[in-house]
Amino acid sequence: MKYYISNPELDKQIAEIRVKVRLSMNGIVSEKMAQNGINYKKNYGVSIPRIREIAKLYPQNHDLAQRLWNLQTRETMILATLLEPIDKFTFQHAQEWVDSFNQIEIVEQACMNLFSKLPYATNLCTNWIHQDKKWRQITGFILAARVYEKLDQDEINDIIKVALTVSENAEFHLYKAIALCLSRFCRVNKNIAQYILNEIKAFKQTPTAGQKLILDEVTQEILFLNIL
C-alpha cells in the first residue's frame, strides 16, 4: 500500500466521495456478487451508472485518482479509472494497476475507461499477452479487443498466435477474453476472419472447454458480420 502526504483539498474530496458511495450502497447486490465469487477488499454494490454520476462531480485529477485506487475498494477503484487523466498515467502506473487486478469487472472497467484511451494502449496489450501472469494476459486480450482498430497487421498476427497457443488454458476468464479478442479481430477484414476461422477449426477433435467456446463465439461473430 502506498502512503501519501496529506492534502486537505484531496482529503475533503475523498471523504465526500466515500459518503456518496456509502449512501448509494446496495447490500443485496454486494452480497450476490460475493456469492458469485466477485470479492473485493470492500464492495458497496453501487451500480456502474451511479459510480459514473459521482465521477462527473469531480474534475479529472491524477493525485485524486491514485489515492482512490490505493483504497482498493470496488467503487473507488472504478472511480479512479474514470478520474485518471490519460496524460498523467504512465506505462509504469499501468503495470502497477494490472498487477493488483483479481476481478474481471475491474479489468473491463479499466480497459474501457482508461487503458484503451492511452496513446500506448497497443503496446500495453501486446506486452501483457506475452506475460506468464494470468491477469496480465486476460487484461491484454480484453484491451486488444477494445483497440483492435489501432493495431497493425504484425501486432494482430502476434496476438492471434499467442491466443491460439494459450487457448487450451483452463482459466475461464482467459479463454473468454481470447474469444472476445479474436471475434473483434474478425471485424478488421475478411482475410483475417478467414485465417482465424481456419486456425480454430483445426482444434483437435476433442477441444477443451475454452477452445469450444472460442470456436463457437468466433463462428457466431462471423455469421453476424456475414463476411464469409
Protein backbone atom coordinates (compact mmCIF):
# COMPACT_ATOMS: atom_id res chain seq x y z
CA MET A 1 0.00 0.00 0.00
CA LYS A 2 1.25 3.47 -0.86
CA TYR A 3 1.14 6.36 1.56
CA TYR A 4 0.54 9.96 0.54
CA ILE A 5 1.27 13.33 2.09
CA SER A 6 -1.89 14.86 3.49
CA ASN A 7 -3.63 17.23 1.09
CA PRO A 8 -6.64 18.99 2.67
CA GLU A 9 -8.45 19.54 -0.63
CA LEU A 10 -7.99 15.98 -1.83
CA ASP A 11 -8.75 14.59 1.63
CA LYS A 12 -12.03 16.52 1.56
CA GLN A 13 -12.94 15.23 -1.90
CA ILE A 14 -12.18 11.64 -0.91
CA ALA A 15 -14.28 12.00 2.23
CA GLU A 16 -17.16 13.34 0.12
CA ILE A 17 -16.81 10.53 -2.38
CA ARG A 18 -16.81 7.88 0.35
CA VAL A 19 -20.01 9.35 1.80
CA LYS A 20 -21.68 9.37 -1.63
CA VAL A 21 -20.63 5.76 -2.18
CA ARG A 22 -21.97 4.62 1.19
CA LEU A 23 -25.26 6.45 0.61
CA SER A 24 -25.57 4.68 -2.76
CA MET A 25 -24.72 1.24 -1.46
CA ASN A 26 -26.79 -1.81 -2.34
CA GLY A 27 -26.17 -4.59 0.14
CA ILE A 28 -28.18 -7.14 -1.82
CA VAL A 29 -26.07 -6.60 -4.95
CA SER A 30 -22.86 -6.69 -2.93
CA GLU A 31 -23.86 -9.95 -1.25
CA LYS A 32 -24.89 -11.53 -4.54
CA MET A 33 -21.56 -10.56 -6.13
CA ALA A 34 -19.71 -12.18 -3.23
CA GLN A 35 -21.78 -15.34 -3.63
CA ASN A 36 -20.74 -15.42 -7.29
CA GLY A 37 -17.07 -15.22 -6.36
CA ILE A 38 -16.64 -11.49 -7.01
CA ASN A 39 -14.65 -10.45 -3.97
CA TYR A 40 -13.10 -7.07 -3.32
CA LYS A 41 -11.44 -5.68 -0.22
CA LYS A 42 -14.69 -3.76 0.21
CA ASN A 43 -17.74 -3.73 -2.06
CA TYR A 44 -20.76 -1.49 -1.56
CA GLY A 45 -22.64 -2.85 -4.56
CA VAL A 46 -23.08 0.59 -6.14
CA SER A 47 -24.30 0.44 -9.74
CA ILE A 48 -21.94 1.47 -12.54
CA PRO A 49 -24.29 4.27 -13.72
CA ARG A 50 -24.27 5.74 -10.21
CA ILE A 51 -20.48 5.49 -9.99
CA ARG A 52 -20.29 7.39 -13.28
CA GLU A 53 -22.63 10.04 -11.87
CA ILE A 54 -20.34 10.50 -8.87
CA ALA A 55 -17.28 10.74 -11.12
CA LYS A 56 -18.88 13.56 -13.12
CA LEU A 57 -18.98 15.70 -9.96
CA TYR A 58 -15.18 15.92 -9.87
CA PRO A 59 -12.57 17.06 -12.40
CA GLN A 60 -10.00 14.51 -13.54
CA ASN A 61 -7.04 14.63 -11.20
CA HIS A 62 -4.05 12.28 -11.12
CA ASP A 63 -3.40 12.56 -7.40
CA LEU A 64 -7.07 12.06 -6.56
CA ALA A 65 -7.33 9.03 -8.83
CA GLN A 66 -4.18 7.45 -7.39
CA ARG A 67 -5.45 7.89 -3.83
CA LEU A 68 -8.83 6.45 -4.74
CA TRP A 69 -7.12 3.45 -6.36
CA ASN A 70 -4.97 2.96 -3.28
CA LEU A 71 -8.12 2.46 -1.17
CA GLN A 72 -8.66 -0.81 -3.08
CA THR A 73 -12.44 -0.83 -2.68
CA ARG A 74 -14.57 -1.67 -5.70
CA GLU A 75 -16.21 1.71 -6.11
CA THR A 76 -13.10 3.85 -5.53
CA MET A 77 -11.08 1.72 -7.96
CA ILE A 78 -13.69 2.17 -10.70
CA LEU A 79 -13.85 5.88 -9.91
CA ALA A 80 -10.06 6.03 -10.25
CA THR A 81 -10.31 4.66 -13.80
CA LEU A 82 -12.75 7.47 -14.62
CA LEU A 83 -10.86 10.30 -12.91
CA GLU A 84 -7.31 9.49 -14.03
CA PRO A 85 -6.08 11.91 -16.76
CA ILE A 86 -4.55 9.94 -19.63
CA ASP A 87 -1.65 12.40 -19.97
CA LYS A 88 -0.56 11.71 -16.39
CA PHE A 89 -0.91 7.93 -16.42
CA THR A 90 2.41 6.31 -17.27
CA PHE A 91 3.27 2.83 -18.52
CA GLN A 92 4.60 2.11 -15.03
CA HIS A 93 1.29 3.13 -13.47
CA ALA A 94 -0.49 0.70 -15.78
CA GLN A 95 1.91 -2.08 -14.77
CA GLU A 96 1.25 -1.40 -11.09
CA TRP A 97 -2.51 -1.36 -11.55
CA VAL A 98 -2.73 -4.52 -13.63
CA ASP A 99 -0.77 -6.42 -11.01
CA SER A 100 -3.44 -5.64 -8.43
CA PHE A 101 -6.30 -6.97 -10.60
CA ASN A 102 -8.14 -10.02 -9.33
CA GLN A 103 -11.66 -9.46 -10.67
CA ILE A 104 -12.85 -9.40 -14.28
CA GLU A 105 -15.11 -6.41 -13.61
CA ILE A 106 -12.23 -4.11 -12.73
CA VAL A 107 -10.30 -5.35 -15.78
CA GLU A 108 -13.21 -4.45 -18.05
CA GLN A 109 -13.75 -1.06 -16.40
CA ALA A 110 -10.06 -0.15 -16.53
CA CYS A 111 -9.79 -1.16 -20.20
CA MET A 112 -12.93 0.72 -21.18
CA ASN A 113 -12.48 3.88 -19.10
CA LEU A 114 -8.73 4.36 -19.18
CA PHE A 115 -6.36 1.86 -20.81
CA SER A 116 -7.98 1.94 -24.25
CA LYS A 117 -7.60 5.73 -24.35
CA LEU A 118 -3.88 5.78 -23.62
CA PRO A 119 -1.54 6.64 -26.51
CA TYR A 120 0.45 3.47 -25.76
CA ALA A 121 -2.58 1.18 -25.42
CA THR A 122 -1.42 -1.13 -28.21
CA ASN A 123 1.97 -1.52 -26.52
CA LEU A 124 0.25 -2.50 -23.30
CA CYS A 125 -1.86 -5.25 -24.81
CA THR A 126 0.95 -6.74 -26.89
CA ASN A 127 3.23 -6.67 -23.86
CA TRP A 128 0.74 -8.19 -21.42
CA ILE A 129 -0.38 -11.11 -23.57
CA HIS A 130 3.20 -12.39 -23.55
CA GLN A 131 3.42 -12.30 -19.76
CA ASP A 132 3.10 -15.56 -17.86
CA LYS A 133 0.70 -13.94 -15.41
CA LYS A 134 -2.99 -14.72 -15.61
CA TRP A 135 -4.44 -11.26 -15.03
CA ARG A 136 -1.91 -9.55 -17.29
CA GLN A 137 -2.85 -11.89 -20.14
CA ILE A 138 -6.58 -11.51 -19.51
CA THR A 139 -6.24 -7.72 -19.48
CA GLY A 140 -4.07 -7.80 -22.59
CA PHE A 141 -6.63 -9.71 -24.64
CA ILE A 142 -9.55 -7.61 -23.40
CA LEU A 143 -7.63 -4.42 -24.17
CA ALA A 144 -6.73 -5.75 -27.63
CA ALA A 145 -10.43 -6.32 -28.27
CA ARG A 146 -11.07 -2.66 -27.50
CA VAL A 147 -8.22 -1.19 -29.55
CA TYR A 148 -8.23 -3.68 -32.44
CA GLU A 149 -8.66 -0.89 -34.99
CA LYS A 150 -5.39 0.71 -33.82
CA LEU A 151 -3.32 -2.47 -34.14
CA ASP A 152 -1.15 -3.01 -37.20
CA GLN A 153 -1.03 -6.30 -39.11
CA ASP A 154 2.10 -7.56 -37.33
CA GLU A 155 0.57 -6.87 -33.92
CA ILE A 156 -2.65 -8.64 -34.89
CA ASN A 157 -0.74 -11.66 -36.18
CA ASP A 158 1.29 -11.81 -32.98
CA ILE A 159 -1.79 -11.63 -30.77
CA ILE A 160 -3.56 -14.34 -32.79
CA LYS A 161 -0.50 -16.58 -32.47
CA VAL A 162 -0.39 -16.18 -28.69
CA ALA A 163 -4.16 -16.62 -28.42
CA LEU A 164 -4.01 -19.96 -30.23
CA THR A 165 -1.06 -21.09 -28.13
CA VAL A 166 -2.77 -20.46 -24.78
CA SER A 167 -6.27 -21.47 -25.92
CA GLU A 168 -6.06 -24.75 -24.03
CA ASN A 169 -5.75 -22.91 -20.72
CA ALA A 170 -8.47 -23.93 -18.28
CA GLU A 171 -8.88 -20.42 -16.85
CA PHE A 172 -12.40 -19.29 -17.81
CA HIS A 173 -11.73 -15.55 -17.88
CA LEU A 174 -8.65 -16.07 -20.04
CA TYR A 175 -10.26 -18.11 -22.78
CA LYS A 176 -13.34 -15.89 -22.62
CA ALA A 177 -11.07 -12.87 -23.22
CA ILE A 178 -9.38 -14.70 -26.11
CA ALA A 179 -12.77 -15.44 -27.68
CA LEU A 180 -13.74 -11.78 -27.42
CA CYS A 181 -10.42 -10.63 -28.87
CA LEU A 182 -10.47 -12.99 -31.86
CA SER A 183 -14.12 -12.13 -32.54
CA ARG A 184 -13.24 -8.42 -32.67
CA PHE A 185 -10.31 -9.12 -34.99
CA CYS A 186 -12.78 -10.67 -37.44
CA ARG A 187 -14.15 -7.17 -37.94
CA VAL A 188 -10.86 -5.88 -39.37
CA ASN A 189 -11.26 -7.56 -42.75
CA LYS A 190 -12.38 -10.74 -44.48
CA ASN A 191 -8.88 -12.19 -44.78
CA ILE A 192 -8.21 -12.01 -41.06
CA ALA A 193 -11.61 -13.50 -40.30
CA GLN A 194 -10.95 -16.40 -42.67
CA TYR A 195 -7.49 -17.01 -41.22
CA ILE A 196 -8.81 -17.08 -37.64
CA LEU A 197 -11.66 -19.40 -38.59
CA ASN A 198 -9.31 -21.80 -40.36
CA GLU A 199 -6.95 -21.87 -37.38
CA ILE A 200 -9.59 -22.52 -34.72
CA LYS A 201 -11.34 -25.14 -36.86
CA ALA A 202 -8.06 -27.02 -36.67
CA PHE A 203 -8.51 -27.57 -32.93
CA LYS A 204 -8.27 -31.26 -32.15
CA GLN A 205 -11.34 -33.50 -32.31
CA THR A 206 -11.91 -33.18 -28.59
CA PRO A 207 -11.36 -29.48 -27.92
CA THR A 208 -11.08 -28.13 -24.40
CA ALA A 209 -13.99 -26.16 -22.95
CA GLY A 210 -12.10 -22.98 -23.76
CA GLN A 211 -11.40 -23.93 -27.35
CA LYS A 212 -15.04 -24.88 -27.87
CA LEU A 213 -16.18 -21.53 -26.53
CA ILE A 214 -13.66 -19.70 -28.73
CA LEU A 215 -14.82 -21.60 -31.81
CA ASP A 216 -18.49 -21.01 -31.02
CA GLU A 217 -18.13 -17.28 -30.34
CA VAL A 218 -15.91 -16.57 -33.35
CA THR A 219 -18.24 -18.54 -35.62
CA GLN A 220 -21.25 -16.61 -34.32
CA GLU A 221 -19.43 -13.32 -34.87
CA ILE A 222 -18.59 -14.23 -38.46
CA LEU A 223 -22.18 -15.26 -39.12
CA PHE A 224 -23.38 -11.96 -37.64
CA LEU A 225 -20.96 -9.96 -39.77
CA ASN A 226 -21.92 -12.02 -42.85
CA ILE A 227 -18.45 -11.63 -44.32
CA LEU A 228 -17.63 -15.21 -45.33
